[in-house]
């Protein structure tokens, strides 16, 4: 389950490539290009809803929230940080749900001890 941020490098590459191409060959007015690019970025930034975009995707069946449901179920019974043969993604999800549900503060040494268990 890779994070969506891994795709930002591809977008940045194509964005910079197209921008440098248009700037080099001066096929468009640069002021108009700069303003339109900033406008597009700000509109996308303020209107971005990742869950909505994923829910409307054909790949939604591949994404499950059972790790989250399991960790919430365990933590609602008792707020103890213990590893129940979790996978890597489940460990991360369990720990951050532990912080939120049990109202704990983040502690790197506690996280590493749990994560390596």
PDB file of N, CA and C in Angstrom:
ATOM      1  N   UNK A   1       0.836  -1.177   0.000  1.00  0.00           N
ATOM      2  CA  UNK A   1       0.000   0.000   0.000  1.00  0.00           C
ATOM      3  C   UNK A   1       0.881   1.241   0.000  1.00  0.00           C
ATOM      4  N   UNK A   2       1.399   1.616  -1.142  1.00  0.00           N
ATOM      5  CA  UNK A   2       2.253   2.807  -1.191  1.00  0.00           C
ATOM      6  C   UNK A   2       1.445   4.076  -0.982  1.00  0.00           C
ATOM      7  N   UNK A   3       2.103   5.054  -0.468  1.00  0.00           N
ATOM      8  CA  UNK A   3       1.449   6.341  -0.239  1.00  0.00           C
ATOM      9  C   UNK A   3       1.245   7.063  -1.566  1.00  0.00           C
ATOM     10  N   UNK A   4       0.196   7.865  -1.669  1.00  0.00           N
ATOM     11  CA  UNK A   4      -0.051   8.589  -2.927  1.00  0.00           C
ATOM     12  C   UNK A   4       1.044   9.583  -3.271  1.00  0.00           C
ATOM     13  N   UNK A   5       1.840   9.967  -2.293  1.00  0.00           N
ATOM     14  CA  UNK A   5       2.882  10.967  -2.548  1.00  0.00           C
ATOM     15  C   UNK A   5       3.984  10.455  -3.466  1.00  0.00           C
ATOM     16  N   UNK A   6       4.068   9.128  -3.685  1.00  0.00           N
ATOM     17  CA  UNK A   6       5.126   8.624  -4.555  1.00  0.00           C
ATOM     18  C   UNK A   6       4.916   9.051  -6.002  1.00  0.00           C
ATOM     19  N   UNK A   7       3.700   9.391  -6.354  1.00  0.00           N
ATOM     20  CA  UNK A   7       3.417   9.814  -7.727  1.00  0.00           C
ATOM     21  C   UNK A   7       3.748  11.272  -7.975  1.00  0.00           C
ATOM     22  N   UNK A   8       4.011  12.025  -6.927  1.00  0.00           N
ATOM     23  CA  UNK A   8       4.273  13.455  -7.106  1.00  0.00           C
ATOM     24  C   UNK A   8       5.528  13.708  -7.924  1.00  0.00           C
ATOM     25  N   UNK A   9       6.512  12.820  -7.859  1.00  0.00           N
ATOM     26  CA  UNK A   9       7.719  12.984  -8.658  1.00  0.00           C
ATOM     27  C   UNK A   9       7.429  12.917 -10.151  1.00  0.00           C
ATOM     28  N   UNK A  10       6.532  12.021 -10.543  1.00  0.00           N
ATOM     29  CA  UNK A  10       6.169  11.916 -11.958  1.00  0.00           C
ATOM     30  C   UNK A  10       5.462  13.180 -12.427  1.00  0.00           C
ATOM     31  N   UNK A  11       4.528  13.668 -11.617  1.00  0.00           N
ATOM     32  CA  UNK A  11       3.818  14.900 -11.978  1.00  0.00           C
ATOM     33  C   UNK A  11       4.792  16.077 -12.065  1.00  0.00           C
ATOM     34  N   UNK A  12       5.692  16.156 -11.117  1.00  0.00           N
ATOM     35  CA  UNK A  12       6.646  17.267 -11.112  1.00  0.00           C
ATOM     36  C   UNK A  12       7.547  17.204 -12.349  1.00  0.00           C
ATOM     37  N   UNK A  13       7.984  15.996 -12.716  1.00  0.00           N
ATOM     38  CA  UNK A  13       8.838  15.858 -13.895  1.00  0.00           C
ATOM     39  C   UNK A  13       8.122  16.344 -15.144  1.00  0.00           C
ATOM     40  N   UNK A  14       6.905  15.879 -15.378  1.00  0.00           N
ATOM     41  CA  UNK A  14       6.182  16.282 -16.579  1.00  0.00           C
ATOM     42  C   UNK A  14       5.834  17.772 -16.546  1.00  0.00           C
ATOM     43  N   UNK A  15       5.476  18.260 -15.383  1.00  0.00           N
ATOM     44  CA  UNK A  15       5.175  19.678 -15.247  1.00  0.00           C
ATOM     45  C   UNK A  15       6.398  20.523 -15.601  1.00  0.00           C
ATOM     46  N   UNK A  16       7.550  20.196 -15.037  1.00  0.00           N
ATOM     47  CA  UNK A  16       8.767  20.965 -15.309  1.00  0.00           C
ATOM     48  C   UNK A  16       9.229  20.803 -16.760  1.00  0.00           C
ATOM     49  N   UNK A  17       9.057  19.615 -17.311  1.00  0.00           N
ATOM     50  CA  UNK A  17       9.443  19.380 -18.705  1.00  0.00           C
ATOM     51  C   UNK A  17       8.598  20.233 -19.645  1.00  0.00           C
ATOM     52  N   UNK A  18       7.300  20.220 -19.463  1.00  0.00           N
ATOM     53  CA  UNK A  18       6.410  21.001 -20.323  1.00  0.00           C
ATOM     54  C   UNK A  18       6.651  22.498 -20.123  1.00  0.00           C
ATOM     55  N   UNK A  19       6.834  22.898 -18.875  1.00  0.00           N
ATOM     56  CA  UNK A  19       7.086  24.308 -18.583  1.00  0.00           C
ATOM     57  C   UNK A  19       8.384  24.782 -19.233  1.00  0.00           C
ATOM     58  N   UNK A  20       9.440  23.978 -19.144  1.00  0.00           N
ATOM     59  CA  UNK A  20      10.712  24.383 -19.762  1.00  0.00           C
ATOM     60  C   UNK A  20      10.602  24.389 -21.287  1.00  0.00           C
ATOM     61  N   UNK A  21       9.835  23.481 -21.850  1.00  0.00           N
ATOM     62  CA  UNK A  21       9.633  23.458 -23.294  1.00  0.00           C
ATOM     63  C   UNK A  21       8.915  24.731 -23.751  1.00  0.00           C
ATOM     64  N   UNK A  22       7.839  25.081 -23.056  1.00  0.00           N
ATOM     65  CA  UNK A  22       7.089  26.276 -23.443  1.00  0.00           C
ATOM     66  C   UNK A  22       7.912  27.538 -23.240  1.00  0.00           C
ATOM     67  N   UNK A  23       8.735  27.541 -22.205  1.00  0.00           N
ATOM     68  CA  UNK A  23       9.569  28.710 -21.943  1.00  0.00           C
ATOM     69  C   UNK A  23      10.688  28.849 -22.977  1.00  0.00           C
ATOM     70  N   UNK A  24      11.248  27.741 -23.393  1.00  0.00           N
ATOM     71  CA  UNK A  24      12.343  27.763 -24.357  1.00  0.00           C
ATOM     72  C   UNK A  24      11.872  28.224 -25.734  1.00  0.00           C
ATOM     73  N   UNK A  25      10.763  27.674 -26.181  1.00  0.00           N
ATOM     74  CA  UNK A  25      10.302  27.982 -27.529  1.00  0.00           C
ATOM     75  C   UNK A  25       9.313  29.141 -27.578  1.00  0.00           C
ATOM     76  N   UNK A  26       8.982  29.706 -26.429  1.00  0.00           N
ATOM     77  CA  UNK A  26       8.122  30.888 -26.319  1.00  0.00           C
ATOM     78  C   UNK A  26       6.872  30.768 -27.186  1.00  0.00           C
ATOM     79  N   UNK A  27       6.223  29.630 -27.059  1.00  0.00           N
ATOM     80  CA  UNK A  27       5.004  29.410 -27.827  1.00  0.00           C
ATOM     81  C   UNK A  27       3.789  30.047 -27.171  1.00  0.00           C
ATOM     82  N   UNK A  28       3.966  30.469 -25.921  1.00  0.00           N
ATOM     83  CA  UNK A  28       2.863  31.077 -25.185  1.00  0.00           C
ATOM     84  C   UNK A  28       3.426  32.195 -24.318  1.00  0.00           C
ATOM     85  N   UNK A  29       2.617  33.166 -24.014  1.00  0.00           N
ATOM     86  CA  UNK A  29       3.035  34.271 -23.163  1.00  0.00           C
ATOM     87  C   UNK A  29       3.336  33.734 -21.756  1.00  0.00           C
ATOM     88  N   UNK A  30       4.523  34.036 -21.227  1.00  0.00           N
ATOM     89  CA  UNK A  30       4.946  33.479 -19.940  1.00  0.00           C
ATOM     90  C   UNK A  30       4.123  33.985 -18.766  1.00  0.00           C
ATOM     91  N   UNK A  31       3.668  35.232 -18.814  1.00  0.00           N
ATOM     92  CA  UNK A  31       2.851  35.745 -17.712  1.00  0.00           C
ATOM     93  C   UNK A  31       1.528  34.998 -17.625  1.00  0.00           C
ATOM     94  N   UNK A  32       0.928  34.768 -18.766  1.00  0.00           N
ATOM     95  CA  UNK A  32      -0.332  34.016 -18.789  1.00  0.00           C
ATOM     96  C   UNK A  32      -0.092  32.585 -18.323  1.00  0.00           C
ATOM     97  N   UNK A  33       1.003  31.990 -18.759  1.00  0.00           N
ATOM     98  CA  UNK A  33       1.337  30.621 -18.354  1.00  0.00           C
ATOM     99  C   UNK A  33       1.556  30.532 -16.848  1.00  0.00           C
ATOM    100  N   UNK A  34       2.323  31.451 -16.282  1.00  0.00           N
ATOM    101  CA  UNK A  34       2.593  31.436 -14.841  1.00  0.00           C
ATOM    102  C   UNK A  34       1.329  31.620 -14.020  1.00  0.00           C
ATOM    103  N   UNK A  35       0.497  32.544 -14.424  1.00  0.00           N
ATOM    104  CA  UNK A  35      -0.748  32.793 -13.687  1.00  0.00           C
ATOM    105  C   UNK A  35      -1.685  31.598 -13.787  1.00  0.00           C
ATOM    106  N   UNK A  36      -1.804  31.024 -14.963  1.00  0.00           N
ATOM    107  CA  UNK A  36      -2.705  29.884 -15.123  1.00  0.00           C
ATOM    108  C   UNK A  36      -2.198  28.665 -14.349  1.00  0.00           C
ATOM    109  N   UNK A  37      -0.899  28.443 -14.325  1.00  0.00           N
ATOM    110  CA  UNK A  37      -0.344  27.317 -13.569  1.00  0.00           C
ATOM    111  C   UNK A  37      -0.584  27.499 -12.077  1.00  0.00           C
ATOM    112  N   UNK A  38      -0.344  28.687 -11.565  1.00  0.00           N
ATOM    113  CA  UNK A  38      -0.596  28.949 -10.149  1.00  0.00           C
ATOM    114  C   UNK A  38      -2.077  28.800  -9.804  1.00  0.00           C
ATOM    115  N   UNK A  39      -2.933  29.258 -10.688  1.00  0.00           N
ATOM    116  CA  UNK A  39      -4.370  29.136 -10.463  1.00  0.00           C
ATOM    117  C   UNK A  39      -4.792  27.668 -10.424  1.00  0.00           C
ATOM    118  N   UNK A  40      -4.295  26.880 -11.344  1.00  0.00           N
ATOM    119  CA  UNK A  40      -4.616  25.449 -11.375  1.00  0.00           C
ATOM    120  C   UNK A  40      -4.110  24.752 -10.114  1.00  0.00           C
ATOM    121  N   UNK A  41      -2.895  25.067  -9.698  1.00  0.00           N
ATOM    122  CA  UNK A  41      -2.327  24.443  -8.496  1.00  0.00           C
ATOM    123  C   UNK A  41      -3.149  24.799  -7.262  1.00  0.00           C
ATOM    124  N   UNK A  42      -3.497  26.068  -7.091  1.00  0.00           N
ATOM    125  CA  UNK A  42      -4.271  26.475  -5.925  1.00  0.00           C
ATOM    126  C   UNK A  42      -5.671  25.868  -5.925  1.00  0.00           C
ATOM    127  N   UNK A  43      -6.322  25.809  -7.074  1.00  0.00           N
ATOM    128  CA  UNK A  43      -7.651  25.203  -7.138  1.00  0.00           C
ATOM    129  C   UNK A  43      -7.600  23.720  -6.802  1.00  0.00           C
ATOM    130  N   UNK A  44      -6.601  23.025  -7.318  1.00  0.00           N
ATOM    131  CA  UNK A  44      -6.468  21.604  -7.001  1.00  0.00           C
ATOM    132  C   UNK A  44      -6.109  21.379  -5.538  1.00  0.00           C
ATOM    133  N   UNK A  45      -5.305  22.247  -5.004  1.00  0.00           N
ATOM    134  CA  UNK A  45      -4.883  22.108  -3.613  1.00  0.00           C
ATOM    135  C   UNK A  45      -6.042  22.298  -2.644  1.00  0.00           C
ATOM    136  N   UNK A  46      -6.863  23.288  -2.874  1.00  0.00           N
ATOM    137  CA  UNK A  46      -7.948  23.585  -1.953  1.00  0.00           C
ATOM    138  C   UNK A  46      -9.172  22.696  -2.154  1.00  0.00           C
ATOM    139  N   UNK A  47      -9.318  22.073  -3.305  1.00  0.00           N
ATOM    140  CA  UNK A  47     -10.471  21.224  -3.577  1.00  0.00           C
ATOM    141  C   UNK A  47     -10.121  19.744  -3.620  1.00  0.00           C
ATOM    142  N   UNK A  48      -9.001  19.364  -3.009  1.00  0.00           N
ATOM    143  CA  UNK A  48      -8.538  17.985  -3.100  1.00  0.00           C
ATOM    144  C   UNK A  48      -9.164  17.141  -2.001  1.00  0.00           C
ATOM    145  N   UNK A  49      -9.784  16.042  -2.398  1.00  0.00           N
ATOM    146  CA  UNK A  49     -10.345  15.081  -1.455  1.00  0.00           C
ATOM    147  C   UNK A  49      -9.911  13.696  -1.929  1.00  0.00           C
ATOM    148  N   UNK A  50      -8.882  13.152  -1.285  1.00  0.00           N
ATOM    149  CA  UNK A  50      -8.286  11.895  -1.749  1.00  0.00           C
ATOM    150  C   UNK A  50      -9.266  10.738  -1.654  1.00  0.00           C
ATOM    151  N   UNK A  51     -10.011  10.642  -0.571  1.00  0.00           N
ATOM    152  CA  UNK A  51     -10.942   9.529  -0.404  1.00  0.00           C
ATOM    153  C   UNK A  51     -12.027   9.554  -1.477  1.00  0.00           C
ATOM    154  N   UNK A  52     -12.479  10.736  -1.840  1.00  0.00           N
ATOM    155  CA  UNK A  52     -13.486  10.858  -2.889  1.00  0.00           C
ATOM    156  C   UNK A  52     -12.924  10.394  -4.243  1.00  0.00           C
ATOM    157  N   UNK A  53     -11.695  10.756  -4.522  1.00  0.00           N
ATOM    158  CA  UNK A  53     -11.082  10.344  -5.786  1.00  0.00           C
ATOM    159  C   UNK A  53     -10.837   8.846  -5.825  1.00  0.00           C
ATOM    160  N   UNK A  54     -10.435   8.279  -4.710  1.00  0.00           N
ATOM    161  CA  UNK A  54     -10.194   6.838  -4.670  1.00  0.00           C
ATOM    162  C   UNK A  54     -11.512   6.084  -4.742  1.00  0.00           C
ATOM    163  N   UNK A  55     -12.541   6.591  -4.079  1.00  0.00           N
ATOM    164  CA  UNK A  55     -13.845   5.917  -4.070  1.00  0.00           C
ATOM    165  C   UNK A  55     -14.466   5.860  -5.459  1.00  0.00           C
ATOM    166  N   UNK A  56     -14.182   6.831  -6.289  1.00  0.00           N
ATOM    167  CA  UNK A  56     -14.742   6.835  -7.635  1.00  0.00           C
ATOM    168  C   UNK A  56     -13.849   6.084  -8.628  1.00  0.00           C
ATOM    169  N   UNK A  57     -12.750   5.528  -8.146  1.00  0.00           N
ATOM    170  CA  UNK A  57     -11.813   4.819  -9.001  1.00  0.00           C
ATOM    171  C   UNK A  57     -12.239   3.365  -9.186  1.00  0.00           C
ATOM    172  N   UNK A  58     -11.741   2.739 -10.242  1.00  0.00           N
ATOM    173  CA  UNK A  58     -12.043   1.323 -10.461  1.00  0.00           C
ATOM    174  C   UNK A  58     -11.235   0.429  -9.528  1.00  0.00           C
ATOM    175  N   UNK A  59     -10.238   0.996  -8.849  1.00  0.00           N
ATOM    176  CA  UNK A  59      -9.381   0.216  -7.971  1.00  0.00           C
ATOM    177  C   UNK A  59      -9.862   0.209  -6.527  1.00  0.00           C
ATOM    178  N   UNK A  60     -11.061   0.717  -6.248  1.00  0.00           N
ATOM    179  CA  UNK A  60     -11.548   0.801  -4.878  1.00  0.00           C
ATOM    180  C   UNK A  60     -11.705  -0.577  -4.254  1.00  0.00           C
ATOM    181  N   UNK A  61     -11.962  -1.598  -5.054  1.00  0.00           N
ATOM    182  CA  UNK A  61     -12.116  -2.947  -4.496  1.00  0.00           C
ATOM    183  C   UNK A  61     -10.805  -3.489  -3.943  1.00  0.00           C
ATOM    184  N   UNK A  62      -9.679  -2.964  -4.402  1.00  0.00           N
ATOM    185  CA  UNK A  62      -8.386  -3.408  -3.904  1.00  0.00           C
ATOM    186  C   UNK A  62      -8.028  -2.771  -2.569  1.00  0.00           C
ATOM    187  N   UNK A  63      -8.703  -1.690  -2.210  1.00  0.00           N
ATOM    188  CA  UNK A  63      -8.379  -0.958  -0.989  1.00  0.00           C
ATOM    189  C   UNK A  63      -9.366  -1.367   0.096  1.00  0.00           C
ATOM    190  N   UNK A  64      -8.839  -1.846   1.207  1.00  0.00           N
ATOM    191  CA  UNK A  64      -9.695  -2.223   2.324  1.00  0.00           C
ATOM    192  C   UNK A  64      -9.271  -1.450   3.559  1.00  0.00           C
ATOM    193  N   UNK A  65     -10.185  -1.321   4.458  1.00  0.00           N
ATOM    194  CA  UNK A  65      -9.923  -0.633   5.699  1.00  0.00           C
ATOM    195  C   UNK A  65      -9.979  -1.606   6.871  1.00  0.00           C
ATOM    196  N   UNK A  66      -9.766  -2.894   6.591  1.00  0.00           N
ATOM    197  CA  UNK A  66      -9.893  -3.875   7.666  1.00  0.00           C
ATOM    198  C   UNK A  66      -8.791  -3.738   8.705  1.00  0.00           C
ATOM    199  N   UNK A  67      -7.603  -3.250   8.309  1.00  0.00           N
ATOM    200  CA  UNK A  67      -6.551  -3.017   9.301  1.00  0.00           C
ATOM    201  C   UNK A  67      -6.986  -1.966  10.304  1.00  0.00           C
ATOM    202  N   UNK A  68      -7.611  -0.929   9.800  1.00  0.00           N
ATOM    203  CA  UNK A  68      -8.092   0.140  10.662  1.00  0.00           C
ATOM    204  C   UNK A  68      -9.215  -0.357  11.565  1.00  0.00           C
ATOM    205  N   UNK A  69     -10.156  -1.108  11.006  1.00  0.00           N
ATOM    206  CA  UNK A  69     -11.265  -1.631  11.808  1.00  0.00           C
ATOM    207  C   UNK A  69     -10.762  -2.564  12.901  1.00  0.00           C
ATOM    208  N   UNK A  70      -9.792  -3.387  12.580  1.00  0.00           N
ATOM    209  CA  UNK A  70      -9.234  -4.317  13.560  1.00  0.00           C
ATOM    210  C   UNK A  70      -8.539  -3.581  14.693  1.00  0.00           C
ATOM    211  N   UNK A  71      -7.739  -2.578  14.360  1.00  0.00           N
ATOM    212  CA  UNK A  71      -7.029  -1.848  15.413  1.00  0.00           C
ATOM    213  C   UNK A  71      -7.997  -1.063  16.290  1.00  0.00           C
ATOM    214  N   UNK A  72      -9.033  -0.493  15.717  1.00  0.00           N
ATOM    215  CA  UNK A  72     -10.034   0.227  16.515  1.00  0.00           C
ATOM    216  C   UNK A  72     -10.767  -0.739  17.443  1.00  0.00           C
ATOM    217  N   UNK A  73     -11.074  -1.912  16.944  1.00  0.00           N
ATOM    218  CA  UNK A  73     -11.766  -2.919  17.763  1.00  0.00           C
ATOM    219  C   UNK A  73     -10.903  -3.342  18.954  1.00  0.00           C
ATOM    220  N   UNK A  74      -9.628  -3.589  18.720  1.00  0.00           N
ATOM    221  CA  UNK A  74      -8.719  -4.008  19.796  1.00  0.00           C
ATOM    222  C   UNK A  74      -8.518  -2.880  20.796  1.00  0.00           C
ATOM    223  N   UNK A  75      -8.311  -1.667  20.305  1.00  0.00           N
ATOM    224  CA  UNK A  75      -8.044  -0.539  21.198  1.00  0.00           C
ATOM    225  C   UNK A  75      -9.278  -0.074  21.967  1.00  0.00           C
ATOM    226  N   UNK A  76     -10.458  -0.350  21.458  1.00  0.00           N
ATOM    227  CA  UNK A  76     -11.662   0.035  22.199  1.00  0.00           C
ATOM    228  C   UNK A  76     -11.853  -0.841  23.433  1.00  0.00           C
ATOM    229  N   UNK A  77     -11.309  -2.055  23.391  1.00  0.00           N
ATOM    230  CA  UNK A  77     -11.394  -2.941  24.554  1.00  0.00           C
ATOM    231  C   UNK A  77     -10.362  -2.583  25.606  1.00  0.00           C
ATOM    232  N   UNK A  78      -9.111  -2.375  25.167  1.00  0.00           N
ATOM    233  CA  UNK A  78      -8.044  -2.028  26.106  1.00  0.00           C
ATOM    234  C   UNK A  78      -6.977  -1.223  25.372  1.00  0.00           C
ATOM    235  N   UNK A  79      -6.483  -0.214  26.030  1.00  0.00           N
ATOM    236  CA  UNK A  79      -5.479   0.673  25.435  1.00  0.00           C
ATOM    237  C   UNK A  79      -4.076   0.192  25.791  1.00  0.00           C
ATOM    238  N   UNK A  80      -3.718  -0.939  25.242  1.00  0.00           N
ATOM    239  CA  UNK A  80      -2.387  -1.503  25.470  1.00  0.00           C
ATOM    240  C   UNK A  80      -1.730  -1.680  24.114  1.00  0.00           C
ATOM    241  N   UNK A  81      -0.492  -1.259  24.051  1.00  0.00           N
ATOM    242  CA  UNK A  81       0.266  -1.350  22.808  1.00  0.00           C
ATOM    243  C   UNK A  81       0.939  -2.712  22.745  1.00  0.00           C
ATOM    244  N   UNK A  82       0.333  -3.639  22.017  1.00  0.00           N
ATOM    245  CA  UNK A  82       0.902  -4.977  21.882  1.00  0.00           C
ATOM    246  C   UNK A  82       0.775  -5.450  20.448  1.00  0.00           C
ATOM    247  N   UNK A  83       1.744  -6.220  20.026  1.00  0.00           N
ATOM    248  CA  UNK A  83       1.780  -6.722  18.661  1.00  0.00           C
ATOM    249  C   UNK A  83       1.082  -8.078  18.609  1.00  0.00           C
ATOM    250  N   UNK A  84       0.063  -8.161  17.781  1.00  0.00           N
ATOM    251  CA  UNK A  84      -0.680  -9.410  17.599  1.00  0.00           C
ATOM    252  C   UNK A  84      -0.360 -10.031  16.247  1.00  0.00           C
ATOM    253  N   UNK A  85       0.918 -10.214  15.977  1.00  0.00           N
ATOM    254  CA  UNK A  85       1.388 -10.725  14.680  1.00  0.00           C
ATOM    255  C   UNK A  85       0.876  -9.866  13.528  1.00  0.00           C
ATOM    256  N   UNK A  86       1.018  -8.562  13.699  1.00  0.00           N
ATOM    257  CA  UNK A  86       0.581  -7.627  12.670  1.00  0.00           C
ATOM    258  C   UNK A  86       1.592  -7.564  11.540  1.00  0.00           C
ATOM    259  N   UNK A  87       1.089  -7.221  10.365  1.00  0.00           N
ATOM    260  CA  UNK A  87       1.972  -6.932   9.241  1.00  0.00           C
ATOM    261  C   UNK A  87       2.522  -5.523   9.430  1.00  0.00           C
ATOM    262  N   UNK A  88       3.391  -5.118   8.528  1.00  0.00           N
ATOM    263  CA  UNK A  88       4.017  -3.789   8.651  1.00  0.00           C
ATOM    264  C   UNK A  88       2.984  -2.671   8.616  1.00  0.00           C
ATOM    265  N   UNK A  89       2.060  -2.745   7.675  1.00  0.00           N
ATOM    266  CA  UNK A  89       1.046  -1.691   7.558  1.00  0.00           C
ATOM    267  C   UNK A  89       0.122  -1.703   8.764  1.00  0.00           C
ATOM    268  N   UNK A  90      -0.173  -2.877   9.292  1.00  0.00           N
ATOM    269  CA  UNK A  90      -1.037  -2.967  10.462  1.00  0.00           C
ATOM    270  C   UNK A  90      -0.361  -2.381  11.698  1.00  0.00           C
ATOM    271  N   UNK A  91       0.953  -2.578  11.818  1.00  0.00           N
ATOM    272  CA  UNK A  91       1.669  -2.009  12.960  1.00  0.00           C
ATOM    273  C   UNK A  91       1.598  -0.487  12.949  1.00  0.00           C
ATOM    274  N   UNK A  92       1.827   0.094  11.789  1.00  0.00           N
ATOM    275  CA  UNK A  92       1.775   1.558  11.701  1.00  0.00           C
ATOM    276  C   UNK A  92       0.373   2.073  11.994  1.00  0.00           C
ATOM    277  N   UNK A  93      -0.613   1.424  11.409  1.00  0.00           N
ATOM    278  CA  UNK A  93      -1.993   1.828  11.631  1.00  0.00           C
ATOM    279  C   UNK A  93      -2.372   1.665  13.100  1.00  0.00           C
ATOM    280  N   UNK A  94      -1.984   0.561  13.706  1.00  0.00           N
ATOM    281  CA  UNK A  94      -2.319   0.310  15.102  1.00  0.00           C
ATOM    282  C   UNK A  94      -1.685   1.360  16.010  1.00  0.00           C
ATOM    283  N   UNK A  95      -0.437   1.689  15.756  1.00  0.00           N
ATOM    284  CA  UNK A  95       0.232   2.652  16.625  1.00  0.00           C
ATOM    285  C   UNK A  95      -0.412   4.033  16.524  1.00  0.00           C
ATOM    286  N   UNK A  96      -0.715   4.489  15.336  1.00  0.00           N
ATOM    287  CA  UNK A  96      -1.286   5.823  15.205  1.00  0.00           C
ATOM    288  C   UNK A  96      -2.748   5.863  15.655  1.00  0.00           C
ATOM    289  N   UNK A  97      -3.450   4.753  15.561  1.00  0.00           N
ATOM    290  CA  UNK A  97      -4.770   4.687  16.185  1.00  0.00           C
ATOM    291  C   UNK A  97      -4.638   4.662  17.699  1.00  0.00           C
ATOM    292  N   UNK A  98      -3.611   4.019  18.197  1.00  0.00           N
ATOM    293  CA  UNK A  98      -3.322   3.999  19.631  1.00  0.00           C
ATOM    294  C   UNK A  98      -3.112   5.421  20.148  1.00  0.00           C
ATOM    295  N   UNK A  99      -2.381   6.219  19.397  1.00  0.00           N
ATOM    296  CA  UNK A  99      -2.167   7.614  19.801  1.00  0.00           C
ATOM    297  C   UNK A  99      -3.473   8.396  19.843  1.00  0.00           C
ATOM    298  N   UNK A 100      -4.304   8.211  18.844  1.00  0.00           N
ATOM    299  CA  UNK A 100      -5.541   8.989  18.744  1.00  0.00           C
ATOM    300  C   UNK A 100      -6.620   8.502  19.711  1.00  0.00           C
ATOM    301  N   UNK A 101      -6.814   7.212  19.770  1.00  0.00           N
ATOM    302  CA  UNK A 101      -7.900   6.672  20.594  1.00  0.00           C
ATOM    303  C   UNK A 101      -7.568   6.758  22.079  1.00  0.00           C
ATOM    304  N   UNK A 102      -6.335   6.429  22.422  1.00  0.00           N
ATOM    305  CA  UNK A 102      -5.927   6.406  23.832  1.00  0.00           C
ATOM    306  C   UNK A 102      -5.389   7.750  24.312  1.00  0.00           C
ATOM    307  N   UNK A 103      -5.418   8.749  23.454  1.00  0.00           N
ATOM    308  CA  UNK A 103      -4.968  10.108  23.805  1.00  0.00           C
ATOM    309  C   UNK A 103      -3.540  10.115  24.344  1.00  0.00           C
ATOM    310  N   UNK A 104      -2.654   9.450  23.635  1.00  0.00           N
ATOM    311  CA  UNK A 104      -1.238   9.390  24.015  1.00  0.00           C
ATOM    312  C   UNK A 104      -0.446  10.369  23.158  1.00  0.00           C
ATOM    313  N   UNK A 105       0.752  10.677  23.604  1.00  0.00           N
ATOM    314  CA  UNK A 105       1.657  11.529  22.834  1.00  0.00           C
ATOM    315  C   UNK A 105       2.657  10.644  22.098  1.00  0.00           C
ATOM    316  N   UNK A 106       3.089  11.111  20.944  1.00  0.00           N
ATOM    317  CA  UNK A 106       4.031  10.355  20.124  1.00  0.00           C
ATOM    318  C   UNK A 106       5.373  10.233  20.829  1.00  0.00           C
ATOM    319  N   UNK A 107       5.876   9.007  20.880  1.00  0.00           N
ATOM    320  CA  UNK A 107       7.170   8.717  21.473  1.00  0.00           C
ATOM    321  C   UNK A 107       7.912   7.793  20.514  1.00  0.00           C
ATOM    322  N   UNK A 108       8.994   8.298  19.951  1.00  0.00           N
ATOM    323  CA  UNK A 108       9.733   7.535  18.941  1.00  0.00           C
ATOM    324  C   UNK A 108      10.262   6.222  19.499  1.00  0.00           C
ATOM    325  N   UNK A 109      10.808   6.229  20.698  1.00  0.00           N
ATOM    326  CA  UNK A 109      11.358   4.988  21.257  1.00  0.00           C
ATOM    327  C   UNK A 109      10.250   3.958  21.495  1.00  0.00           C
ATOM    328  N   UNK A 110       9.085   4.420  21.928  1.00  0.00           N
ATOM    329  CA  UNK A 110       7.946   3.510  22.117  1.00  0.00           C
ATOM    330  C   UNK A 110       7.508   2.924  20.774  1.00  0.00           C
ATOM    331  N   UNK A 111       7.442   3.775  19.763  1.00  0.00           N
ATOM    332  CA  UNK A 111       7.044   3.311  18.433  1.00  0.00           C
ATOM    333  C   UNK A 111       8.041   2.292  17.888  1.00  0.00           C
ATOM    334  N   UNK A 112       9.336   2.567  18.006  1.00  0.00           N
ATOM    335  CA  UNK A 112      10.344   1.647  17.485  1.00  0.00           C
ATOM    336  C   UNK A 112      10.328   0.312  18.233  1.00  0.00           C
ATOM    337  N   UNK A 113      10.131   0.364  19.521  1.00  0.00           N
ATOM    338  CA  UNK A 113      10.053  -0.871  20.303  1.00  0.00           C
ATOM    339  C   UNK A 113       8.869  -1.708  19.839  1.00  0.00           C
ATOM    340  N   UNK A 114       7.712  -1.065  19.658  1.00  0.00           N
ATOM    341  CA  UNK A 114       6.538  -1.766  19.171  1.00  0.00           C
ATOM    342  C   UNK A 114       6.719  -2.245  17.740  1.00  0.00           C
ATOM    343  N   UNK A 115       7.280  -1.396  16.904  1.00  0.00           N
ATOM    344  CA  UNK A 115       7.424  -1.711  15.475  1.00  0.00           C
ATOM    345  C   UNK A 115       8.387  -2.876  15.255  1.00  0.00           C
ATOM    346  N   UNK A 116       9.413  -2.983  16.081  1.00  0.00           N
ATOM    347  CA  UNK A 116      10.397  -4.056  15.937  1.00  0.00           C
ATOM    348  C   UNK A 116       9.990  -5.346  16.643  1.00  0.00           C
ATOM    349  N   UNK A 117       8.907  -5.308  17.386  1.00  0.00           N
ATOM    350  CA  UNK A 117       8.480  -6.508  18.117  1.00  0.00           C
ATOM    351  C   UNK A 117       7.832  -7.529  17.204  1.00  0.00           C
TER     352      UNK A 117
END
